[in-house]
Protein backbone atom coordinates (compact mmCIF):
# COMPACT_ATOMS: atom_id res chain seq x y z
CA UNK A 1 -21.74 -11.69 -17.83
CA UNK A 2 -23.00 -12.03 -14.08
CA UNK A 3 -25.52 -13.90 -13.64
CA UNK A 4 -29.47 -12.59 -14.76
CA UNK A 5 -31.96 -11.46 -12.46
CA UNK A 6 -35.41 -13.51 -12.19
CA UNK A 7 -38.19 -11.55 -13.93
CA UNK A 8 -38.19 -8.97 -16.71
CA UNK A 9 -35.41 -7.51 -18.21
CA UNK A 10 -34.31 -3.93 -19.02
CA UNK A 11 -36.56 -2.89 -21.63
CA UNK A 12 -36.97 -6.35 -23.60
CA UNK A 13 -35.06 -9.82 -24.52
CA UNK A 14 -31.78 -11.02 -22.94
CA UNK A 15 -30.12 -10.25 -26.00
CA UNK A 16 -31.21 -6.54 -26.09
CA UNK A 17 -30.02 -6.59 -22.37
CA UNK A 18 -26.96 -7.59 -22.88
CA UNK A 19 -26.15 -5.27 -25.80
CA UNK A 20 -27.62 -2.58 -23.68
CA UNK A 21 -25.11 -3.39 -20.56
CA UNK A 22 -22.14 -3.82 -23.23
CA UNK A 23 -23.02 -0.25 -24.39
CA UNK A 24 -23.19 1.17 -21.17
CA UNK A 25 -19.85 -0.34 -20.15
CA UNK A 26 -18.44 1.03 -23.08
CA UNK A 27 -19.56 4.35 -22.36
CA UNK A 28 -18.36 4.24 -18.90
CA UNK A 29 -15.10 3.41 -19.45
CA UNK A 30 -14.35 6.18 -22.34
CA UNK A 31 -16.01 8.81 -20.53
CA UNK A 32 -15.30 7.93 -16.63
CA UNK A 33 -18.69 8.74 -15.69
CA UNK A 34 -22.41 8.17 -17.32
CA UNK A 35 -25.91 9.27 -16.18
CA UNK A 36 -28.38 6.46 -16.23
CA UNK A 37 -31.31 4.78 -14.21
CA UNK A 38 -30.56 3.26 -10.87
CA UNK A 39 -31.64 0.15 -11.91
CA UNK A 40 -29.22 0.42 -14.92
CA UNK A 41 -26.80 1.26 -12.78
CA UNK A 42 -27.04 -1.14 -10.45
CA UNK A 43 -27.02 -3.75 -13.28
CA UNK A 44 -23.79 -2.42 -14.94
CA UNK A 45 -22.07 -2.16 -11.74
CA UNK A 46 -20.93 -5.99 -11.44
CA UNK A 47 -19.90 -6.31 -15.28
CA UNK A 48 -17.51 -3.26 -15.22
CA UNK A 49 -15.89 -4.60 -11.90
CA UNK A 50 -15.31 -7.94 -13.65
CA UNK A 51 -14.28 -6.34 -16.80
CA UNK A 52 -11.31 -4.19 -14.82
CA UNK A 53 -10.63 -7.18 -13.07
CA UNK A 54 -9.88 -9.07 -16.07
CA UNK A 55 -7.73 -6.36 -17.55
CA UNK A 56 -5.86 -6.41 -14.14
CA UNK A 57 -5.00 -9.79 -15.30
CA UNK A 58 -3.42 -7.96 -18.37
CA UNK A 59 -3.28 -11.17 -20.61
CA UNK A 60 -4.40 -11.86 -24.20
CA UNK A 61 -7.08 -14.45 -23.18
CA UNK A 62 -8.30 -11.20 -21.16
CA UNK A 63 -8.15 -9.11 -23.42
CA UNK A 64 -10.31 -11.25 -26.30
CA UNK A 65 -12.60 -11.52 -23.10
CA UNK A 66 -13.45 -7.80 -22.73
CA UNK A 67 -13.69 -7.55 -26.43
CA UNK A 68 -16.28 -9.98 -26.46
CA UNK A 69 -18.16 -7.06 -24.28
CA UNK A 70 -16.88 -4.18 -24.90
CA UNK A 71 -16.50 -4.23 -28.93
CA UNK A 72 -14.59 -0.81 -29.10
CA UNK A 73 -10.66 -1.38 -29.36
CA UNK A 74 -10.24 1.85 -28.23
CA UNK A 75 -11.95 1.42 -25.20
CA UNK A 76 -10.53 -1.92 -24.60
CA UNK A 77 -6.96 -0.37 -25.30
CA UNK A 78 -7.79 2.11 -22.59
CA UNK A 79 -9.26 -0.23 -20.13
CA UNK A 80 -6.22 -2.35 -20.21
CA UNK A 81 -3.52 0.46 -20.25
CA UNK A 82 -4.86 3.11 -18.52
CA UNK A 83 -7.55 2.40 -16.31
CA UNK A 84 -6.31 -0.72 -15.00
CA UNK A 85 -3.12 0.16 -13.87
CA UNK A 86 -4.90 3.08 -11.54
CA UNK A 87 -6.78 0.47 -9.69
CA UNK A 88 -3.81 -2.54 -9.55
CA UNK A 89 -3.60 -2.05 -5.58
CA UNK A 90 -7.04 -2.24 -4.91
CA UNK A 91 -8.83 -5.39 -4.28
CA UNK A 92 -12.20 -4.48 -5.77
CA UNK A 93 -14.83 -1.75 -5.70
CA UNK A 94 -13.81 0.21 -8.68
CA UNK A 95 -17.33 2.17 -9.27
CA UNK A 96 -19.36 4.42 -7.41
CA UNK A 97 -23.39 4.80 -7.89
CA UNK A 98 -24.57 8.22 -6.70
CA UNK A 99 -28.46 8.47 -7.03
CA UNK A 100 -29.54 12.27 -8.25
CA UNK A 101 -33.23 13.17 -8.55
CA UNK A 102 -35.98 11.60 -11.02
CA UNK A 103 -35.78 12.47 -14.92
CA UNK A 104 -38.19 15.47 -15.72
CA UNK A 105 -39.98 13.57 -18.13
CA UNK A 106 -41.18 10.24 -16.76
CA UNK A 107 -39.84 10.67 -13.23
CA UNK A 108 -37.24 7.50 -13.59
CA UNK A 109 -34.71 7.76 -10.84
CA UNK A 110 -31.59 8.49 -12.14
CA UNK A 111 -28.22 7.82 -10.74
CA UNK A 112 -24.37 8.54 -11.76
CA UNK A 113 -22.05 5.80 -12.01
CA UNK A 114 -18.64 6.43 -11.91
CA UNK A 115 -14.94 4.99 -11.55
CA UNK A 116 -13.75 5.40 -8.30
CA UNK A 117 -10.33 7.58 -8.83
CA UNK A 118 -6.86 5.99 -6.78
CA UNK A 119 -5.56 8.02 -4.94
CA UNK A 120 -1.91 8.76 -5.05
CA UNK A 121 -0.43 7.46 -1.91
CA UNK A 122 3.08 9.36 -1.32
CA UNK A 123 5.39 6.75 -0.05
CA UNK A 124 8.08 9.29 1.03
CA UNK A 125 8.68 8.73 4.85
CA UNK A 126 10.48 5.85 4.17
CA UNK A 127 13.24 7.58 1.65
CA UNK A 128 13.40 10.15 4.32
CA UNK A 129 14.47 8.22 6.58
CA UNK A 130 17.00 6.28 4.74
CA UNK A 131 18.55 9.45 3.29
CA UNK A 132 18.96 10.76 7.19
CA UNK A 133 20.50 7.51 7.96
CA UNK A 134 22.92 8.07 4.71
CA UNK A 135 23.55 11.50 6.02
CA UNK A 136 24.22 10.87 9.45
CA UNK A 137 26.50 7.88 8.23
CA UNK A 138 28.30 10.61 6.12
CA UNK A 139 28.76 12.80 8.79
CA UNK A 140 30.20 10.25 10.96
CA UNK A 141 32.99 8.94 8.33
CA UNK A 142 34.09 12.51 7.74
CA UNK A 143 34.61 13.12 11.46
CA UNK A 144 36.47 9.50 11.66
CA UNK A 145 38.64 10.55 8.42
CA UNK A 146 39.63 14.03 10.38
CA UNK A 147 37.54 16.50 8.40
CA UNK A 148 36.08 19.47 9.37
CA UNK A 149 32.79 19.16 10.99
CA UNK A 150 31.90 22.48 9.67
CA UNK A 151 33.08 21.56 6.39
CA UNK A 152 29.46 20.48 5.08
CA UNK A 153 27.57 22.90 6.74
CA UNK A 154 30.00 25.41 5.22
CA UNK A 155 29.87 23.71 1.97
CA UNK A 156 25.84 24.00 2.35
CA UNK A 157 26.21 27.45 3.26
CA UNK A 158 28.06 28.53 0.11
CA UNK A 159 25.48 27.03 -1.92
CA UNK A 160 22.44 28.79 -0.41
CA UNK A 161 24.58 32.25 -1.15
CA UNK A 162 25.24 31.47 -4.71
CA UNK A 163 21.37 30.65 -4.91
CA UNK A 164 20.80 34.02 -3.18
CA UNK A 165 22.96 35.69 -5.50
CA UNK A 166 21.21 34.35 -8.72
CA UNK A 167 18.15 35.12 -7.38
CA UNK A 168 18.84 38.43 -6.89
CA UNK A 169 20.34 38.95 -10.17
CA UNK A 170 17.01 37.53 -12.08
CA UNK A 171 15.28 39.80 -10.35
CA UNK A 172 17.30 42.49 -11.27
CA UNK A 173 17.00 41.45 -15.21
CA UNK A 174 13.51 41.38 -14.77
CA UNK A 175 13.17 45.37 -13.52
CA UNK A 176 15.10 46.18 -16.00
CA UNK A 177 13.11 44.67 -18.72
CA UNK A 178 9.68 45.87 -17.23
CA UNK A 179 11.68 49.33 -17.18
């Protein structure tokens, strides 16, 4: 639990605040985003980020510490097995707070707190270079072995012709079925 702030708690005693933050964290991990007041969102952020950091560790002690706060076993399972791997390479900043308009009833400032989605980074350029090097090496070996230089190109051309013929046959079958 983060260090409590000085002054009044969120709606009552420190025990009530702790339970409220635990319930907010449970809802955040269950749904991915929740709408609450700005104050509650700002108080929830450190707790949620600490729990995600513990989930990234993944050991039994961290799981038991998370279960002490989030008492729903299904949510803890989801936290450790789905949410934590998403943020494995991210050093922090797992949540985002977006301020929305005031609440209609009492004009309390509202906010949406959500888990930041980790973008999938393509690591394709490195294998392309390796594949190009392998292809060039295979070509040079073929030349040194005395094979025909046009043999790989001819094989590729015949494969593309076969693929075109099979596509034409499939199109003809589709036309026959429609008729």
